[in-house]
Amino acid sequence: MKNINSNLPGTIDLEDVKLSLLMYADDMVLFSKSPESLKAMLKDVENYCNTRGLKINVAKSKAMVFENGRHIVGSILNFCSEIWALHPATDIELIYTRFLRSILCVKKSTNLAALYGELCRVPLSIYRKYNMVKYWGKNAFT
């Protein structure tokens, strides 16, 4: 999806990582701080799909508004983790801890236990393993 403009003024910056789009299989998540940049990204997605004969299922599409850092991006970073939970996903953990540090405005050297404790969080790997056990436990008996 090189057609999505990630240099728009509303994308999410986590130190040296610019986060505007996550994709997995046939699912996509767009990130934006402003309605204007989100509309521009959606227009880019529409153009991409139109040129390739693809259709977006609007009935399955959702919009979520996160205000003032009160909602953490972990659920998005762990998308479909019940399938890939055993992968260490160090890049995802790095993005997550950078995000947490940006919320608290602390240095890179801040101890992870203090970082998680201050925000009442745990590493995303714990959530991934929990999701995996819950998913496979439910499907094993159906």
C-alpha atoms as a PDB file:
ATOM      1  CA  MET A   1       0.000   0.000   0.000  1.00  0.00           C
ATOM      2  CA  LYS A   2       2.668   2.466  -0.995  1.00  0.00           C
ATOM      3  CA  ASN A   3      -0.165   4.634  -2.320  1.00  0.00           C
ATOM      4  CA  ILE A   4      -1.169   5.661   1.233  1.00  0.00           C
ATOM      5  CA  ASN A   5       0.421   9.008   2.056  1.00  0.00           C
ATOM      6  CA  SER A   6       2.059   8.563   5.478  1.00  0.00           C
ATOM      7  CA  ASN A   7       3.498  12.092   5.386  1.00  0.00           C
ATOM      8  CA  LEU A   8       0.170  13.710   6.187  1.00  0.00           C
ATOM      9  CA  PRO A   9       0.187  16.076   9.188  1.00  0.00           C
ATOM     10  CA  GLY A  10      -2.168  13.874  11.235  1.00  0.00           C
ATOM     11  CA  THR A  11      -0.313  10.531  11.349  1.00  0.00           C
ATOM     12  CA  ILE A  12       0.978   9.067  14.614  1.00  0.00           C
ATOM     13  CA  ASP A  13       4.685   9.580  15.406  1.00  0.00           C
ATOM     14  CA  LEU A  14       6.422   7.293  17.896  1.00  0.00           C
ATOM     15  CA  GLU A  15       9.981   8.610  17.965  1.00  0.00           C
ATOM     16  CA  ASP A  16      11.436   7.412  14.633  1.00  0.00           C
ATOM     17  CA  VAL A  17       8.395   5.287  13.698  1.00  0.00           C
ATOM     18  CA  LYS A  18       5.573   6.868  11.687  1.00  0.00           C
ATOM     19  CA  LEU A  19       2.410   4.835  12.241  1.00  0.00           C
ATOM     20  CA  SER A  20      -0.388   5.347   9.740  1.00  0.00           C
ATOM     21  CA  LEU A  21      -1.366   1.862   8.571  1.00  0.00           C
ATOM     22  CA  LEU A  22      -1.390  -1.731   9.878  1.00  0.00           C
ATOM     23  CA  MET A  23      -2.439  -4.624   7.653  1.00  0.00           C
ATOM     24  CA  TYR A  24      -3.084  -8.317   8.298  1.00  0.00           C
ATOM     25  CA  ALA A  25      -4.549 -10.669   5.678  1.00  0.00           C
ATOM     26  CA  ASP A  26      -7.548  -8.783   4.275  1.00  0.00           C
ATOM     27  CA  ASP A  27      -7.898  -6.366   7.210  1.00  0.00           C
ATOM     28  CA  MET A  28      -6.514  -2.857   7.529  1.00  0.00           C
ATOM     29  CA  VAL A  29      -6.274  -0.254  10.303  1.00  0.00           C
ATOM     30  CA  LEU A  30      -5.635   3.425   9.521  1.00  0.00           C
ATOM     31  CA  PHE A  31      -4.277   5.757  12.230  1.00  0.00           C
ATOM     32  CA  SER A  32      -4.764   9.493  12.246  1.00  0.00           C
ATOM     33  CA  LYS A  33      -4.813  12.350  14.731  1.00  0.00           C
ATOM     34  CA  SER A  34      -7.165  14.476  12.630  1.00  0.00           C
ATOM     35  CA  PRO A  35     -10.305  13.920  10.582  1.00  0.00           C
ATOM     36  CA  GLU A  36      -8.677  15.674   7.614  1.00  0.00           C
ATOM     37  CA  SER A  37      -5.704  13.321   7.359  1.00  0.00           C
ATOM     38  CA  LEU A  38      -7.969  10.297   7.914  1.00  0.00           C
ATOM     39  CA  LYS A  39     -10.193  11.446   5.039  1.00  0.00           C
ATOM     40  CA  ALA A  40      -7.101  11.833   2.832  1.00  0.00           C
ATOM     41  CA  MET A  41      -5.896   8.319   3.739  1.00  0.00           C
ATOM     42  CA  LEU A  42      -9.357   6.883   3.066  1.00  0.00           C
ATOM     43  CA  LYS A  43      -9.353   8.590  -0.336  1.00  0.00           C
ATOM     44  CA  ASP A  44      -5.934   6.993  -1.045  1.00  0.00           C
ATOM     45  CA  VAL A  45      -7.344   3.571  -0.067  1.00  0.00           C
ATOM     46  CA  GLU A  46     -10.382   4.146  -2.269  1.00  0.00           C
ATOM     47  CA  ASN A  47      -8.178   5.066  -5.246  1.00  0.00           C
ATOM     48  CA  TYR A  48      -5.969   2.019  -4.633  1.00  0.00           C
ATOM     49  CA  CYS A  49      -8.988  -0.297  -4.531  1.00  0.00           C
ATOM     50  CA  ASN A  50     -10.628   1.267  -7.589  1.00  0.00           C
ATOM     51  CA  THR A  51      -7.511   0.859  -9.738  1.00  0.00           C
ATOM     52  CA  ARG A  52      -7.290  -2.840  -8.776  1.00  0.00           C
ATOM     53  CA  GLY A  53     -10.991  -3.708  -8.918  1.00  0.00           C
ATOM     54  CA  LEU A  54     -11.215  -4.258  -5.146  1.00  0.00           C
ATOM     55  CA  LYS A  55     -14.233  -3.436  -2.983  1.00  0.00           C
ATOM     56  CA  ILE A  56     -14.404  -2.359   0.643  1.00  0.00           C
ATOM     57  CA  ASN A  57     -17.147  -3.947   2.736  1.00  0.00           C
ATOM     58  CA  VAL A  58     -18.582  -0.799   4.328  1.00  0.00           C
ATOM     59  CA  ALA A  59     -20.878  -2.869   6.575  1.00  0.00           C
ATOM     60  CA  LYS A  60     -17.807  -4.394   8.265  1.00  0.00           C
ATOM     61  CA  SER A  61     -15.925  -1.078   8.508  1.00  0.00           C
ATOM     62  CA  LYS A  62     -15.633   0.723  11.829  1.00  0.00           C
ATOM     63  CA  ALA A  63     -14.255   4.013  13.107  1.00  0.00           C
ATOM     64  CA  MET A  64     -12.835   4.452  16.606  1.00  0.00           C
ATOM     65  CA  VAL A  65     -11.948   7.755  18.227  1.00  0.00           C
ATOM     66  CA  PHE A  66      -9.237   7.758  20.872  1.00  0.00           C
ATOM     67  CA  GLU A  67      -8.962  10.889  22.975  1.00  0.00           C
ATOM     68  CA  ASN A  68      -6.072  12.202  25.073  1.00  0.00           C
ATOM     69  CA  GLY A  69      -4.152   8.913  25.178  1.00  0.00           C
ATOM     70  CA  ARG A  70      -6.868   7.334  27.321  1.00  0.00           C
ATOM     71  CA  HIS A  71      -7.111   4.275  25.075  1.00  0.00           C
ATOM     72  CA  ILE A  72      -3.981   2.249  24.476  1.00  0.00           C
ATOM     73  CA  VAL A  73      -3.066   0.930  21.026  1.00  0.00           C
ATOM     74  CA  GLY A  74      -2.321  -2.569  22.326  1.00  0.00           C
ATOM     75  CA  SER A  75      -5.505  -4.147  21.029  1.00  0.00           C
ATOM     76  CA  ILE A  76      -4.660  -2.977  17.508  1.00  0.00           C
ATOM     77  CA  LEU A  77      -1.031  -4.085  17.718  1.00  0.00           C
ATOM     78  CA  ASN A  78      -2.194  -7.527  18.895  1.00  0.00           C
ATOM     79  CA  PHE A  79      -4.701  -7.896  16.060  1.00  0.00           C
ATOM     80  CA  CYS A  80      -5.361 -11.620  15.322  1.00  0.00           C
ATOM     81  CA  SER A  81      -2.782 -12.547  17.953  1.00  0.00           C
ATOM     82  CA  GLU A  82      -4.617 -15.733  18.862  1.00  0.00           C
ATOM     83  CA  ILE A  83      -3.012 -17.168  15.717  1.00  0.00           C
ATOM     84  CA  TRP A  84       0.537 -15.778  16.014  1.00  0.00           C
ATOM     85  CA  ALA A  85       0.847 -15.351  19.807  1.00  0.00           C
ATOM     86  CA  LEU A  86       3.943 -17.534  20.168  1.00  0.00           C
ATOM     87  CA  HIS A  87       5.977 -15.256  17.895  1.00  0.00           C
ATOM     88  CA  PRO A  88       8.112 -12.925  20.074  1.00  0.00           C
ATOM     89  CA  ALA A  89       7.020  -9.846  18.045  1.00  0.00           C
ATOM     90  CA  THR A  90       9.822  -7.680  19.414  1.00  0.00           C
ATOM     91  CA  ASP A  91       9.057  -4.903  16.924  1.00  0.00           C
ATOM     92  CA  ILE A  92       5.494  -4.674  18.203  1.00  0.00           C
ATOM     93  CA  GLU A  93       6.674  -4.587  21.823  1.00  0.00           C
ATOM     94  CA  LEU A  94       9.101  -1.807  20.862  1.00  0.00           C
ATOM     95  CA  ILE A  95       6.349   0.270  19.227  1.00  0.00           C
ATOM     96  CA  TYR A  96       4.139  -0.301  22.290  1.00  0.00           C
ATOM     97  CA  THR A  97       6.785   0.749  24.809  1.00  0.00           C
ATOM     98  CA  ARG A  98       7.648   3.813  22.712  1.00  0.00           C
ATOM     99  CA  PHE A  99       3.985   4.740  22.751  1.00  0.00           C
ATOM    100  CA  LEU A 100       3.790   4.275  26.537  1.00  0.00           C
ATOM    101  CA  ARG A 101       6.928   6.393  27.002  1.00  0.00           C
ATOM    102  CA  SER A 102       5.427   9.129  24.839  1.00  0.00           C
ATOM    103  CA  ILE A 103       2.314   9.180  27.042  1.00  0.00           C
ATOM    104  CA  LEU A 104       4.426   9.676  30.167  1.00  0.00           C
ATOM    105  CA  CYS A 105       7.072  11.873  28.469  1.00  0.00           C
ATOM    106  CA  VAL A 106       9.910   9.789  29.896  1.00  0.00           C
ATOM    107  CA  LYS A 107      13.320   8.793  28.519  1.00  0.00           C
ATOM    108  CA  LYS A 108      14.140   5.655  26.535  1.00  0.00           C
ATOM    109  CA  SER A 109      16.139   4.443  29.520  1.00  0.00           C
ATOM    110  CA  THR A 110      13.100   4.353  31.842  1.00  0.00           C
ATOM    111  CA  ASN A 111      12.755   0.945  33.454  1.00  0.00           C
ATOM    112  CA  LEU A 112      10.057  -1.160  31.761  1.00  0.00           C
ATOM    113  CA  ALA A 113       8.600  -2.387  35.059  1.00  0.00           C
ATOM    114  CA  ALA A 114       8.157   1.222  36.180  1.00  0.00           C
ATOM    115  CA  LEU A 115       6.675   2.147  32.807  1.00  0.00           C
ATOM    116  CA  TYR A 116       4.126  -0.678  32.848  1.00  0.00           C
ATOM    117  CA  GLY A 117       3.376  -0.143  36.545  1.00  0.00           C
ATOM    118  CA  GLU A 118       2.720   3.578  36.189  1.00  0.00           C
ATOM    119  CA  LEU A 119       0.140   2.930  33.467  1.00  0.00           C
ATOM    120  CA  CYS A 120      -1.237  -0.316  34.984  1.00  0.00           C
ATOM    121  CA  ARG A 121      -0.134  -2.255  31.880  1.00  0.00           C
ATOM    122  CA  VAL A 122       1.769  -5.451  31.138  1.00  0.00           C
ATOM    123  CA  PRO A 123       3.801  -6.480  28.078  1.00  0.00           C
ATOM    124  CA  LEU A 124       1.650  -7.172  25.030  1.00  0.00           C
ATOM    125  CA  SER A 125       3.037 -10.715  24.897  1.00  0.00           C
ATOM    126  CA  ILE A 126       0.936 -11.540  27.984  1.00  0.00           C
ATOM    127  CA  TYR A 127      -2.241 -10.327  26.275  1.00  0.00           C
ATOM    128  CA  ARG A 128      -1.319 -12.300  23.145  1.00  0.00           C
ATOM    129  CA  LYS A 129      -0.879 -15.546  25.071  1.00  0.00           C
ATOM    130  CA  TYR A 130      -4.128 -14.956  26.962  1.00  0.00           C
ATOM    131  CA  ASN A 131      -5.979 -14.364  23.659  1.00  0.00           C
ATOM    132  CA  MET A 132      -4.437 -17.515  22.201  1.00  0.00           C
ATOM    133  CA  VAL A 133      -5.477 -19.733  25.137  1.00  0.00           C
ATOM    134  CA  LYS A 134      -8.982 -18.250  25.173  1.00  0.00           C
ATOM    135  CA  TYR A 135      -9.424 -18.682  21.399  1.00  0.00           C
ATOM    136  CA  TRP A 136      -8.051 -22.215  21.132  1.00  0.00           C
ATOM    137  CA  GLY A 137      -9.759 -23.314  24.340  1.00  0.00           C
ATOM    138  CA  LYS A 138     -13.110 -22.160  23.010  1.00  0.00           C
ATOM    139  CA  ASN A 139     -12.608 -23.744  19.574  1.00  0.00           C
ATOM    140  CA  ALA A 140     -11.218 -27.040  20.874  1.00  0.00           C
ATOM    141  CA  PHE A 141     -14.552 -27.940  22.454  1.00  0.00           C
ATOM    142  CA  THR A 142     -16.944 -26.817  19.736  1.00  0.00           C
END
